[in-house]
Amino acid sequence: MASLDFNKKGIPVTLLGLNEAGKTSLALRLATGKWVDNTSPTIGVNFETYRAGDSLLKLFDVGGHKVLRRQFWLNYAANSYGILFIFDASNRKRTEEGKEWFWYLINNLEIDRRIALSFLANKADLDSMELDEIIEVLDLQKLSNFPKISFQIFEISVKTSKNVANAMEWFTRKIQEITKGQTISPKGLIISSIFGNIKLFLDFSDVTDNLISVLDMLTQVLNDEKNSLRDERVASVVSNYGQITFQERGEIVISLITEPNDSNIEAQRLIEIIYEHIEKRESDSKEELIDFITQTFKIPDGSYKEIQKYKI
């Protein structure tokens, strides 16, 4: 089975920073090209998009209030290819708080792949800290101890757009380098209830020959709460046979089986496409859904089968 060269449109990146640092204003400037004044504080997560050449970045604008930082920041950052961390360089009173939470993020971000980080010192149009001072006070020189993080620091003003284009040009180029050439090999897909009642089970490869292993993995994912990310309801289990990644929405669980070393982020994005199709076309038949899935995953006609005898 050939690997699927996934379309990189909608590359997930996360926008983080303390409340009132300018996150939402930056997200809206990137999405609209305009300065939007009097934005409302982000409660939870907002979604915007930013197009740069052939790439489309999907921006997760995560709330910066303290109650959201520990719960949401790591989950979204770990499932993104890049982080835009914005810091209010005009507010010296919150420097220590910004430093604490920036390093909380970096020190707890457990990833085994490259990730791009753009540190944005915002409000350069005001009486702001100099870049050298920001680097020293926030210990940003220590980022060199994290070889898998490609990072750069920029002084910007979201309000006037000063240096925003330069920061995003660097960031987008790094994202493109990281995602270039990534492939994923779908081996099977399962649609079930949260209780394990399987409604559709498609075999794209050799799932049937490894059915016990697959069902064991699925059972582990559905029943082991330690694997579930609290906000996104996403989990992943890896065995010698393959990787099973699931997302839960309501009472529907979609599980995608791929090669053990395939990108978990790419698997999640493919699952999201199937969810969106189901949510928009609830009345369509199972045959139509199977046709959509196989076309999305580029599975040739006749090279897949539906497994109808199974038990969890």
C-alpha atoms as a PDB file:
ATOM      1  CA  MET A   1       0.000   0.000   0.000  1.00  0.00           C
ATOM      2  CA  ALA A   2       1.394   3.387  -0.999  1.00  0.00           C
ATOM      3  CA  SER A   3       1.830   6.111   1.600  1.00  0.00           C
ATOM      4  CA  LEU A   4      -0.553   9.048   1.493  1.00  0.00           C
ATOM      5  CA  ASP A   5       1.237  12.343   0.916  1.00  0.00           C
ATOM      6  CA  PHE A   6      -1.112  14.452   3.002  1.00  0.00           C
ATOM      7  CA  ASN A   7      -2.215  17.848   1.703  1.00  0.00           C
ATOM      8  CA  LYS A   8      -0.606  20.388   3.975  1.00  0.00           C
ATOM      9  CA  LYS A   9      -3.496  22.852   3.859  1.00  0.00           C
ATOM     10  CA  GLY A  10      -4.545  23.749   7.360  1.00  0.00           C
ATOM     11  CA  ILE A  11      -1.248  23.116   9.174  1.00  0.00           C
ATOM     12  CA  PRO A  12      -2.002  23.365  12.924  1.00  0.00           C
ATOM     13  CA  VAL A  13      -0.064  25.974  14.912  1.00  0.00           C
ATOM     14  CA  THR A  14      -0.772  27.323  18.387  1.00  0.00           C
ATOM     15  CA  LEU A  15      -0.858  30.965  19.492  1.00  0.00           C
ATOM     16  CA  LEU A  16      -0.047  31.356  23.202  1.00  0.00           C
ATOM     17  CA  GLY A  17       0.704  34.085  25.726  1.00  0.00           C
ATOM     18  CA  LEU A  18      -0.703  35.732  28.832  1.00  0.00           C
ATOM     19  CA  ASN A  19      -4.074  37.423  28.672  1.00  0.00           C
ATOM     20  CA  GLU A  20      -3.882  40.935  27.212  1.00  0.00           C
ATOM     21  CA  ALA A  21      -0.586  40.197  25.444  1.00  0.00           C
ATOM     22  CA  GLY A  22      -2.218  40.640  22.025  1.00  0.00           C
ATOM     23  CA  LYS A  23      -2.946  37.052  20.936  1.00  0.00           C
ATOM     24  CA  THR A  24      -6.410  37.591  19.526  1.00  0.00           C
ATOM     25  CA  SER A  25      -5.424  40.897  17.902  1.00  0.00           C
ATOM     26  CA  LEU A  26      -2.544  39.078  16.171  1.00  0.00           C
ATOM     27  CA  ALA A  27      -4.790  36.193  15.090  1.00  0.00           C
ATOM     28  CA  LEU A  28      -7.282  38.628  13.577  1.00  0.00           C
ATOM     29  CA  ARG A  29      -4.570  40.685  11.855  1.00  0.00           C
ATOM     30  CA  LEU A  30      -3.160  37.527  10.301  1.00  0.00           C
ATOM     31  CA  ALA A  31      -6.617  36.363   9.230  1.00  0.00           C
ATOM     32  CA  THR A  32      -7.910  39.714   7.918  1.00  0.00           C
ATOM     33  CA  GLY A  33      -4.805  41.843   7.346  1.00  0.00           C
ATOM     34  CA  LYS A  34      -6.326  44.552   9.549  1.00  0.00           C
ATOM     35  CA  TRP A  35      -5.969  45.900  13.089  1.00  0.00           C
ATOM     36  CA  VAL A  36      -9.032  45.074  15.154  1.00  0.00           C
ATOM     37  CA  ASP A  37      -9.372  47.140  18.310  1.00  0.00           C
ATOM     38  CA  ASN A  38     -11.311  46.236  21.463  1.00  0.00           C
ATOM     39  CA  THR A  39     -11.141  42.474  21.059  1.00  0.00           C
ATOM     40  CA  SER A  40     -12.858  40.314  23.660  1.00  0.00           C
ATOM     41  CA  PRO A  41     -10.750  38.057  25.897  1.00  0.00           C
ATOM     42  CA  THR A  42     -10.449  34.525  24.555  1.00  0.00           C
ATOM     43  CA  ILE A  43     -12.442  32.084  26.650  1.00  0.00           C
ATOM     44  CA  GLY A  44     -11.227  28.636  25.673  1.00  0.00           C
ATOM     45  CA  VAL A  45      -9.945  28.476  22.092  1.00  0.00           C
ATOM     46  CA  ASN A  46     -10.628  30.512  18.944  1.00  0.00           C
ATOM     47  CA  PHE A  47      -9.720  29.376  15.430  1.00  0.00           C
ATOM     48  CA  GLU A  48      -8.371  31.545  12.618  1.00  0.00           C
ATOM     49  CA  THR A  49      -6.459  30.858   9.402  1.00  0.00           C
ATOM     50  CA  TYR A  50      -3.442  32.520   7.813  1.00  0.00           C
ATOM     51  CA  ARG A  51      -2.408  31.915   4.218  1.00  0.00           C
ATOM     52  CA  ALA A  52       1.253  32.162   3.250  1.00  0.00           C
ATOM     53  CA  GLY A  53       1.904  31.173  -0.355  1.00  0.00           C
ATOM     54  CA  ASP A  54       0.792  27.597  -0.862  1.00  0.00           C
ATOM     55  CA  SER A  55       0.435  26.947   2.856  1.00  0.00           C
ATOM     56  CA  LEU A  56      -2.549  27.595   5.065  1.00  0.00           C
ATOM     57  CA  LEU A  57      -1.881  27.794   8.797  1.00  0.00           C
ATOM     58  CA  LYS A  58      -4.683  26.832  11.158  1.00  0.00           C
ATOM     59  CA  LEU A  59      -4.230  29.060  14.210  1.00  0.00           C
ATOM     60  CA  PHE A  60      -5.379  27.840  17.605  1.00  0.00           C
ATOM     61  CA  ASP A  61      -5.743  31.055  19.633  1.00  0.00           C
ATOM     62  CA  VAL A  62      -5.712  29.610  23.159  1.00  0.00           C
ATOM     63  CA  GLY A  63      -6.947  31.718  26.068  1.00  0.00           C
ATOM     64  CA  GLY A  64      -4.261  33.236  28.276  1.00  0.00           C
ATOM     65  CA  HIS A  65      -6.083  33.433  31.591  1.00  0.00           C
ATOM     66  CA  LYS A  66      -4.392  31.450  34.332  1.00  0.00           C
ATOM     67  CA  VAL A  67      -7.164  28.877  34.625  1.00  0.00           C
ATOM     68  CA  LEU A  68      -6.639  27.933  30.950  1.00  0.00           C
ATOM     69  CA  ARG A  69      -2.838  27.824  30.811  1.00  0.00           C
ATOM     70  CA  ARG A  70      -2.173  24.550  32.586  1.00  0.00           C
ATOM     71  CA  GLN A  71      -5.195  22.783  31.094  1.00  0.00           C
ATOM     72  CA  PHE A  72      -4.988  23.835  27.453  1.00  0.00           C
ATOM     73  CA  TRP A  73      -1.542  25.157  26.536  1.00  0.00           C
ATOM     74  CA  LEU A  74       0.381  21.890  26.523  1.00  0.00           C
ATOM     75  CA  ASN A  75      -2.366  19.912  24.789  1.00  0.00           C
ATOM     76  CA  TYR A  76      -2.631  22.273  21.840  1.00  0.00           C
ATOM     77  CA  ALA A  77       1.109  22.945  21.572  1.00  0.00           C
ATOM     78  CA  ALA A  78       1.911  19.218  21.567  1.00  0.00           C
ATOM     79  CA  ASN A  79      -0.451  18.709  18.631  1.00  0.00           C
ATOM     80  CA  SER A  80       0.900  21.564  16.524  1.00  0.00           C
ATOM     81  CA  TYR A  81       3.869  22.027  14.217  1.00  0.00           C
ATOM     82  CA  GLY A  82       4.649  25.461  15.585  1.00  0.00           C
ATOM     83  CA  ILE A  83       4.074  27.884  18.465  1.00  0.00           C
ATOM     84  CA  LEU A  84       3.657  31.640  18.286  1.00  0.00           C
ATOM     85  CA  PHE A  85       4.322  32.897  21.818  1.00  0.00           C
ATOM     86  CA  ILE A  86       3.389  36.543  22.245  1.00  0.00           C
ATOM     87  CA  PHE A  87       4.684  38.671  25.130  1.00  0.00           C
ATOM     88  CA  ASP A  88       3.642  42.205  26.134  1.00  0.00           C
ATOM     89  CA  ALA A  89       7.028  43.927  26.188  1.00  0.00           C
ATOM     90  CA  SER A  90       5.466  47.164  27.506  1.00  0.00           C
ATOM     91  CA  ASN A  91       4.165  45.608  30.720  1.00  0.00           C
ATOM     92  CA  ARG A  92       7.181  45.109  32.984  1.00  0.00           C
ATOM     93  CA  LYS A  93       4.939  44.235  35.945  1.00  0.00           C
ATOM     94  CA  ARG A  94       3.970  40.942  34.299  1.00  0.00           C
ATOM     95  CA  THR A  95       7.453  39.984  33.131  1.00  0.00           C
ATOM     96  CA  GLU A  96       7.986  37.382  35.844  1.00  0.00           C
ATOM     97  CA  GLU A  97       4.558  35.872  35.215  1.00  0.00           C
ATOM     98  CA  GLY A  98       5.256  35.696  31.500  1.00  0.00           C
ATOM     99  CA  LYS A  99       8.647  34.102  32.141  1.00  0.00           C
ATOM    100  CA  GLU A 100       7.136  31.509  34.500  1.00  0.00           C
ATOM    101  CA  TRP A 101       4.509  30.360  32.050  1.00  0.00           C
ATOM    102  CA  PHE A 102       6.740  30.457  28.992  1.00  0.00           C
ATOM    103  CA  TRP A 103       9.186  28.094  30.664  1.00  0.00           C
ATOM    104  CA  TYR A 104       6.375  25.990  32.069  1.00  0.00           C
ATOM    105  CA  LEU A 105       5.381  25.409  28.448  1.00  0.00           C
ATOM    106  CA  ILE A 106       8.887  24.715  27.131  1.00  0.00           C
ATOM    107  CA  ASN A 107       9.971  22.460  30.016  1.00  0.00           C
ATOM    108  CA  ASN A 108       6.804  20.359  29.912  1.00  0.00           C
ATOM    109  CA  LEU A 109       6.372  20.085  26.146  1.00  0.00           C
ATOM    110  CA  GLU A 110       7.202  16.421  25.604  1.00  0.00           C
ATOM    111  CA  ILE A 111       7.696  16.001  21.864  1.00  0.00           C
ATOM    112  CA  ASP A 112      10.100  13.838  19.885  1.00  0.00           C
ATOM    113  CA  ARG A 113      10.024  15.824  16.652  1.00  0.00           C
ATOM    114  CA  ARG A 114      11.003  19.248  15.340  1.00  0.00           C
ATOM    115  CA  ILE A 115       8.788  22.195  16.197  1.00  0.00           C
ATOM    116  CA  ALA A 116       9.010  25.896  15.267  1.00  0.00           C
ATOM    117  CA  LEU A 117       8.822  28.583  17.950  1.00  0.00           C
ATOM    118  CA  SER A 118       8.509  32.286  17.267  1.00  0.00           C
ATOM    119  CA  PHE A 119       8.792  34.468  20.384  1.00  0.00           C
ATOM    120  CA  LEU A 120       7.021  37.755  19.652  1.00  0.00           C
ATOM    121  CA  ALA A 121       7.804  40.774  21.863  1.00  0.00           C
ATOM    122  CA  ASN A 122       4.655  42.772  21.178  1.00  0.00           C
ATOM    123  CA  LYS A 123       3.797  46.481  21.591  1.00  0.00           C
ATOM    124  CA  ALA A 124       7.089  47.787  20.237  1.00  0.00           C
ATOM    125  CA  ASP A 125       5.167  50.994  19.380  1.00  0.00           C
ATOM    126  CA  LEU A 126       4.940  51.780  23.114  1.00  0.00           C
ATOM    127  CA  ASP A 127       7.544  52.333  25.827  1.00  0.00           C
ATOM    128  CA  SER A 128       8.756  48.743  25.724  1.00  0.00           C
ATOM    129  CA  MET A 129      11.676  46.679  26.926  1.00  0.00           C
ATOM    130  CA  GLU A 130      14.630  46.428  24.558  1.00  0.00           C
ATOM    131  CA  LEU A 131      15.196  43.092  22.877  1.00  0.00           C
ATOM    132  CA  ASP A 132      18.479  42.443  24.727  1.00  0.00           C
ATOM    133  CA  GLU A 133      16.718  43.061  28.034  1.00  0.00           C
ATOM    134  CA  ILE A 134      13.871  40.705  27.124  1.00  0.00           C
ATOM    135  CA  ILE A 135      16.308  37.947  26.190  1.00  0.00           C
ATOM    136  CA  GLU A 136      18.223  38.363  29.450  1.00  0.00           C
ATOM    137  CA  VAL A 137      15.281  38.757  31.839  1.00  0.00           C
ATOM    138  CA  LEU A 138      13.290  35.868  30.347  1.00  0.00           C
ATOM    139  CA  ASP A 139      16.356  33.609  29.974  1.00  0.00           C
ATOM    140  CA  LEU A 140      15.583  33.115  26.281  1.00  0.00           C
ATOM    141  CA  GLN A 141      19.221  32.217  25.588  1.00  0.00           C
ATOM    142  CA  LYS A 142      18.426  28.857  27.231  1.00  0.00           C
ATOM    143  CA  LEU A 143      16.350  27.905  24.196  1.00  0.00           C
ATOM    144  CA  SER A 144      19.627  26.772  22.612  1.00  0.00           C
ATOM    145  CA  ASN A 145      19.445  23.782  25.000  1.00  0.00           C
ATOM    146  CA  PHE A 146      16.429  22.455  23.092  1.00  0.00           C
ATOM    147  CA  PRO A 147      17.822  21.230  19.745  1.00  0.00           C
ATOM    148  CA  LYS A 148      14.455  20.101  18.354  1.00  0.00           C
ATOM    149  CA  ILE A 149      12.981  23.583  18.736  1.00  0.00           C
ATOM    150  CA  SER A 150      13.739  25.947  15.847  1.00  0.00           C
ATOM    151  CA  PHE A 151      13.315  29.382  17.398  1.00  0.00           C
ATOM    152  CA  GLN A 152      13.608  33.070  16.618  1.00  0.00           C
ATOM    153  CA  ILE A 153      12.797  36.220  18.594  1.00  0.00           C
ATOM    154  CA  PHE A 154      11.089  39.265  17.057  1.00  0.00           C
ATOM    155  CA  GLU A 155      10.126  42.732  18.254  1.00  0.00           C
ATOM    156  CA  ILE A 156       6.704  43.448  16.763  1.00  0.00           C
ATOM    157  CA  SER A 157       3.699  45.702  17.028  1.00  0.00           C
ATOM    158  CA  VAL A 158       0.434  44.032  16.169  1.00  0.00           C
ATOM    159  CA  LYS A 159      -1.278  47.440  16.157  1.00  0.00           C
ATOM    160  CA  THR A 160       1.033  49.084  13.597  1.00  0.00           C
ATOM    161  CA  SER A 161       2.028  45.758  11.927  1.00  0.00           C
ATOM    162  CA  LYS A 162       5.722  46.533  12.577  1.00  0.00           C
ATOM    163  CA  ASN A 163       7.836  43.437  11.839  1.00  0.00           C
ATOM    164  CA  VAL A 164       4.805  41.113  11.816  1.00  0.00           C
ATOM    165  CA  ALA A 165       5.411  40.148   8.183  1.00  0.00           C
ATOM    166  CA  ASN A 166       9.075  39.322   8.879  1.00  0.00           C
ATOM    167  CA  ALA A 167       8.168  37.216  11.899  1.00  0.00           C
ATOM    168  CA  MET A 168       5.544  35.267   9.963  1.00  0.00           C
ATOM    169  CA  GLU A 169       7.828  34.802   6.947  1.00  0.00           C
ATOM    170  CA  TRP A 170      10.415  33.101   9.162  1.00  0.00           C
ATOM    171  CA  PHE A 171       7.803  31.106  11.055  1.00  0.00           C
ATOM    172  CA  THR A 172       6.023  29.880   7.927  1.00  0.00           C
ATOM    173  CA  ARG A 173       9.288  28.910   6.254  1.00  0.00           C
ATOM    174  CA  LYS A 174      10.264  26.818   9.282  1.00  0.00           C
ATOM    175  CA  ILE A 175       6.824  25.182   9.368  1.00  0.00           C
ATOM    176  CA  GLN A 176       7.145  24.312   5.679  1.00  0.00           C
ATOM    177  CA  GLU A 177      10.598  22.788   6.279  1.00  0.00           C
ATOM    178  CA  ILE A 178       9.273  20.675   9.155  1.00  0.00           C
ATOM    179  CA  THR A 179       6.200  19.387   7.320  1.00  0.00           C
ATOM    180  CA  LYS A 180       7.825  18.911   3.912  1.00  0.00           C
ATOM    181  CA  GLY A 181       7.631  15.377   2.617  1.00  0.00           C
ATOM    182  CA  GLN A 182       5.738  13.893   5.529  1.00  0.00           C
ATOM    183  CA  THR A 183       3.629  10.896   4.594  1.00  0.00           C
ATOM    184  CA  ILE A 184       1.122   8.704   6.354  1.00  0.00           C
ATOM    185  CA  SER A 185       0.015   5.155   5.581  1.00  0.00           C
ATOM    186  CA  PRO A 186      -3.620   4.445   6.510  1.00  0.00           C
ATOM    187  CA  LYS A 187      -4.052   0.756   7.352  1.00  0.00           C
ATOM    188  CA  GLY A 188      -7.633   0.804   8.578  1.00  0.00           C
ATOM    189  CA  LEU A 189     -10.415   2.953   9.995  1.00  0.00           C
ATOM    190  CA  ILE A 190     -13.001   2.216  12.684  1.00  0.00           C
ATOM    191  CA  ILE A 191     -16.123   4.200  13.541  1.00  0.00           C
ATOM    192  CA  SER A 192     -17.614   3.156  16.857  1.00  0.00           C
ATOM    193  CA  SER A 193     -19.537   4.375  19.876  1.00  0.00           C
ATOM    194  CA  ILE A 194     -17.738   5.398  23.055  1.00  0.00           C
ATOM    195  CA  PHE A 195     -18.860   2.056  24.470  1.00  0.00           C
ATOM    196  CA  GLY A 196     -17.076   0.034  21.774  1.00  0.00           C
ATOM    197  CA  ASN A 197     -20.018  -0.794  19.503  1.00  0.00           C
ATOM    198  CA  ILE A 198     -18.364  -0.799  16.064  1.00  0.00           C
ATOM    199  CA  LYS A 199     -20.497   0.699  13.291  1.00  0.00           C
ATOM    200  CA  LEU A 200     -17.930   0.621  10.453  1.00  0.00           C
ATOM    201  CA  PHE A 201     -14.574  -1.167  10.192  1.00  0.00           C
ATOM    202  CA  LEU A 202     -12.566  -0.731   6.982  1.00  0.00           C
ATOM    203  CA  ASP A 203      -9.405  -2.712   6.236  1.00  0.00           C
ATOM    204  CA  PHE A 204      -6.979  -0.965   3.851  1.00  0.00           C
ATOM    205  CA  SER A 205      -4.040  -3.284   4.438  1.00  0.00           C
ATOM    206  CA  ASP A 206      -3.616  -6.355   6.645  1.00  0.00           C
ATOM    207  CA  VAL A 207      -5.899  -5.457   9.531  1.00  0.00           C
ATOM    208  CA  THR A 208      -7.794  -8.758   9.268  1.00  0.00           C
ATOM    209  CA  ASP A 209      -4.603 -10.742   9.819  1.00  0.00           C
ATOM    210  CA  ASN A 210      -3.930  -8.720  12.970  1.00  0.00           C
ATOM    211  CA  LEU A 211      -7.502  -8.334  14.180  1.00  0.00           C
ATOM    212  CA  ILE A 212      -6.849  -9.362  17.777  1.00  0.00           C
ATOM    213  CA  SER A 213      -4.012  -6.854  18.083  1.00  0.00           C
ATOM    214  CA  VAL A 214      -6.147  -4.064  16.609  1.00  0.00           C
ATOM    215  CA  LEU A 215      -9.137  -4.772  18.850  1.00  0.00           C
ATOM    216  CA  ASP A 216      -6.857  -4.939  21.874  1.00  0.00           C
ATOM    217  CA  MET A 217      -5.455  -1.521  20.981  1.00  0.00           C
ATOM    218  CA  LEU A 218      -8.933  -0.095  20.456  1.00  0.00           C
ATOM    219  CA  THR A 219     -10.125  -1.491  23.769  1.00  0.00           C
ATOM    220  CA  GLN A 220      -7.108   0.053  25.480  1.00  0.00           C
ATOM    221  CA  VAL A 221      -7.790   3.438  23.914  1.00  0.00           C
ATOM    222  CA  LEU A 222     -11.483   3.420  24.817  1.00  0.00           C
ATOM    223  CA  ASN A 223     -10.988   2.290  28.393  1.00  0.00           C
ATOM    224  CA  ASP A 224      -7.695   3.843  29.497  1.00  0.00           C
ATOM    225  CA  GLU A 225      -8.437   7.399  30.604  1.00  0.00           C
ATOM    226  CA  LYS A 226      -4.710   8.141  30.983  1.00  0.00           C
ATOM    227  CA  ASN A 227      -4.422   8.260  27.189  1.00  0.00           C
ATOM    228  CA  SER A 228      -7.186  10.845  26.737  1.00  0.00           C
ATOM    229  CA  LEU A 229      -6.356  14.521  26.358  1.00  0.00           C
ATOM    230  CA  ARG A 230      -8.904  16.272  28.539  1.00  0.00           C
ATOM    231  CA  ASP A 231     -10.058  18.966  26.112  1.00  0.00           C
ATOM    232  CA  GLU A 232      -9.711  17.354  22.695  1.00  0.00           C
ATOM    233  CA  ARG A 233     -10.566  13.753  23.608  1.00  0.00           C
ATOM    234  CA  VAL A 234      -7.689  12.464  21.518  1.00  0.00           C
ATOM    235  CA  ALA A 235      -5.615   9.394  22.291  1.00  0.00           C
ATOM    236  CA  SER A 236      -3.009   7.197  20.644  1.00  0.00           C
ATOM    237  CA  VAL A 237      -1.631   3.705  21.241  1.00  0.00           C
ATOM    238  CA  VAL A 238       1.360   2.210  19.424  1.00  0.00           C
ATOM    239  CA  SER A 239       2.270  -1.470  19.030  1.00  0.00           C
ATOM    240  CA  ASN A 240       4.547  -3.444  16.735  1.00  0.00           C
ATOM    241  CA  TYR A 241       1.651  -3.783  14.310  1.00  0.00           C
ATOM    242  CA  GLY A 242       0.728  -0.131  14.073  1.00  0.00           C
ATOM    243  CA  GLN A 243      -0.504   3.057  15.673  1.00  0.00           C
ATOM    244  CA  ILE A 244      -4.165   3.656  16.463  1.00  0.00           C
ATOM    245  CA  THR A 245      -5.240   7.268  16.880  1.00  0.00           C
ATOM    246  CA  PHE A 246      -8.738   8.234  17.884  1.00  0.00           C
ATOM    247  CA  GLN A 247     -10.831  11.325  18.369  1.00  0.00           C
ATOM    248  CA  GLU A 248     -14.078  11.347  20.323  1.00  0.00           C
ATOM    249  CA  ARG A 249     -16.908  13.767  19.606  1.00  0.00           C
ATOM    250  CA  GLY A 250     -20.093  13.234  21.537  1.00  0.00           C
ATOM    251  CA  GLU A 251     -20.742   9.513  21.444  1.00  0.00           C
ATOM    252  CA  ILE A 252     -18.905   8.877  18.166  1.00  0.00           C
ATOM    253  CA  VAL A 253     -15.313   7.658  18.119  1.00  0.00           C
ATOM    254  CA  ILE A 254     -13.245   7.539  14.929  1.00  0.00           C
ATOM    255  CA  SER A 255     -10.057   5.478  15.115  1.00  0.00           C
ATOM    256  CA  LEU A 256      -7.396   5.505  12.379  1.00  0.00           C
ATOM    257  CA  ILE A 257      -4.770   2.762  12.178  1.00  0.00           C
ATOM    258  CA  THR A 258      -1.444   3.767  10.614  1.00  0.00           C
ATOM    259  CA  GLU A 259       2.181   2.676  10.588  1.00  0.00           C
ATOM    260  CA  PRO A 260       3.847   2.804  14.049  1.00  0.00           C
ATOM    261  CA  ASN A 261       6.049   5.814  13.214  1.00  0.00           C
ATOM    262  CA  ASP A 262       3.494   7.839  11.243  1.00  0.00           C
ATOM    263  CA  SER A 263       2.686  11.385  12.349  1.00  0.00           C
ATOM    264  CA  ASN A 264       0.028  11.430  15.032  1.00  0.00           C
ATOM    265  CA  ILE A 265      -0.855  14.993  14.023  1.00  0.00           C
ATOM    266  CA  GLU A 266      -1.502  13.952  10.419  1.00  0.00           C
ATOM    267  CA  ALA A 267      -3.685  11.088  11.656  1.00  0.00           C
ATOM    268  CA  GLN A 268      -5.729  13.512  13.733  1.00  0.00           C
ATOM    269  CA  ARG A 269      -6.206  15.830  10.777  1.00  0.00           C
ATOM    270  CA  LEU A 270      -7.462  13.004   8.575  1.00  0.00           C
ATOM    271  CA  ILE A 271      -9.929  12.012  11.293  1.00  0.00           C
ATOM    272  CA  GLU A 272     -11.168  15.617  11.478  1.00  0.00           C
ATOM    273  CA  ILE A 273     -11.961  15.518   7.752  1.00  0.00           C
ATOM    274  CA  ILE A 274     -14.140  12.444   8.266  1.00  0.00           C
ATOM    275  CA  TYR A 275     -15.899  14.041  11.243  1.00  0.00           C
ATOM    276  CA  GLU A 276     -16.660  17.186   9.259  1.00  0.00           C
ATOM    277  CA  HIS A 277     -18.112  15.106   6.433  1.00  0.00           C
ATOM    278  CA  ILE A 278     -20.320  13.110   8.804  1.00  0.00           C
ATOM    279  CA  GLU A 279     -21.551  16.247  10.564  1.00  0.00           C
ATOM    280  CA  LYS A 280     -22.464  17.952   7.282  1.00  0.00           C
ATOM    281  CA  ARG A 281     -24.071  14.930   5.577  1.00  0.00           C
ATOM    282  CA  GLU A 282     -25.851  12.986   8.304  1.00  0.00           C
ATOM    283  CA  SER A 283     -28.455  11.486   5.943  1.00  0.00           C
ATOM    284  CA  ASP A 284     -25.996   9.874   3.504  1.00  0.00           C
ATOM    285  CA  SER A 285     -25.694   6.116   3.240  1.00  0.00           C
ATOM    286  CA  LYS A 286     -22.888   3.946   4.568  1.00  0.00           C
ATOM    287  CA  GLU A 287     -21.816   3.279   0.970  1.00  0.00           C
ATOM    288  CA  GLU A 288     -21.422   7.018   0.341  1.00  0.00           C
ATOM    289  CA  LEU A 289     -19.406   7.392   3.548  1.00  0.00           C
ATOM    290  CA  ILE A 290     -17.105   4.522   2.577  1.00  0.00           C
ATOM    291  CA  ASP A 291     -16.626   6.086  -0.854  1.00  0.00           C
ATOM    292  CA  PHE A 292     -15.709   9.432   0.736  1.00  0.00           C
ATOM    293  CA  ILE A 293     -13.252   7.800   3.144  1.00  0.00           C
ATOM    294  CA  THR A 294     -11.468   5.768   0.473  1.00  0.00           C
ATOM    295  CA  GLN A 295     -11.211   8.788  -1.844  1.00  0.00           C
ATOM    296  CA  THR A 296      -9.867  10.969   0.979  1.00  0.00           C
ATOM    297  CA  PHE A 297      -7.289   8.332   1.902  1.00  0.00           C
ATOM    298  CA  LYS A 298      -6.532   7.629  -1.779  1.00  0.00           C
ATOM    299  CA  ILE A 299      -7.316   3.924  -1.427  1.00  0.00           C
ATOM    300  CA  PRO A 300      -7.628   2.294  -4.886  1.00  0.00           C
ATOM    301  CA  ASP A 301     -10.877   0.543  -5.786  1.00  0.00           C
ATOM    302  CA  GLY A 302     -10.880  -3.088  -4.779  1.00  0.00           C
ATOM    303  CA  SER A 303      -7.954  -2.757  -2.343  1.00  0.00           C
ATOM    304  CA  TYR A 304     -10.015  -2.464   0.816  1.00  0.00           C
ATOM    305  CA  LYS A 305     -12.698  -4.486   2.551  1.00  0.00           C
ATOM    306  CA  GLU A 306     -15.247  -4.035   5.300  1.00  0.00           C
ATOM    307  CA  ILE A 307     -14.740  -6.236   8.342  1.00  0.00           C
ATOM    308  CA  GLN A 308     -18.131  -7.357   9.580  1.00  0.00           C
ATOM    309  CA  LYS A 309     -17.296  -9.993  12.194  1.00  0.00           C
ATOM    310  CA  TYR A 310     -15.648  -8.541  15.246  1.00  0.00           C
ATOM    311  CA  LYS A 311     -16.027  -8.370  18.990  1.00  0.00           C
ATOM    312  CA  ILE A 312     -14.632  -6.024  21.642  1.00  0.00           C
END
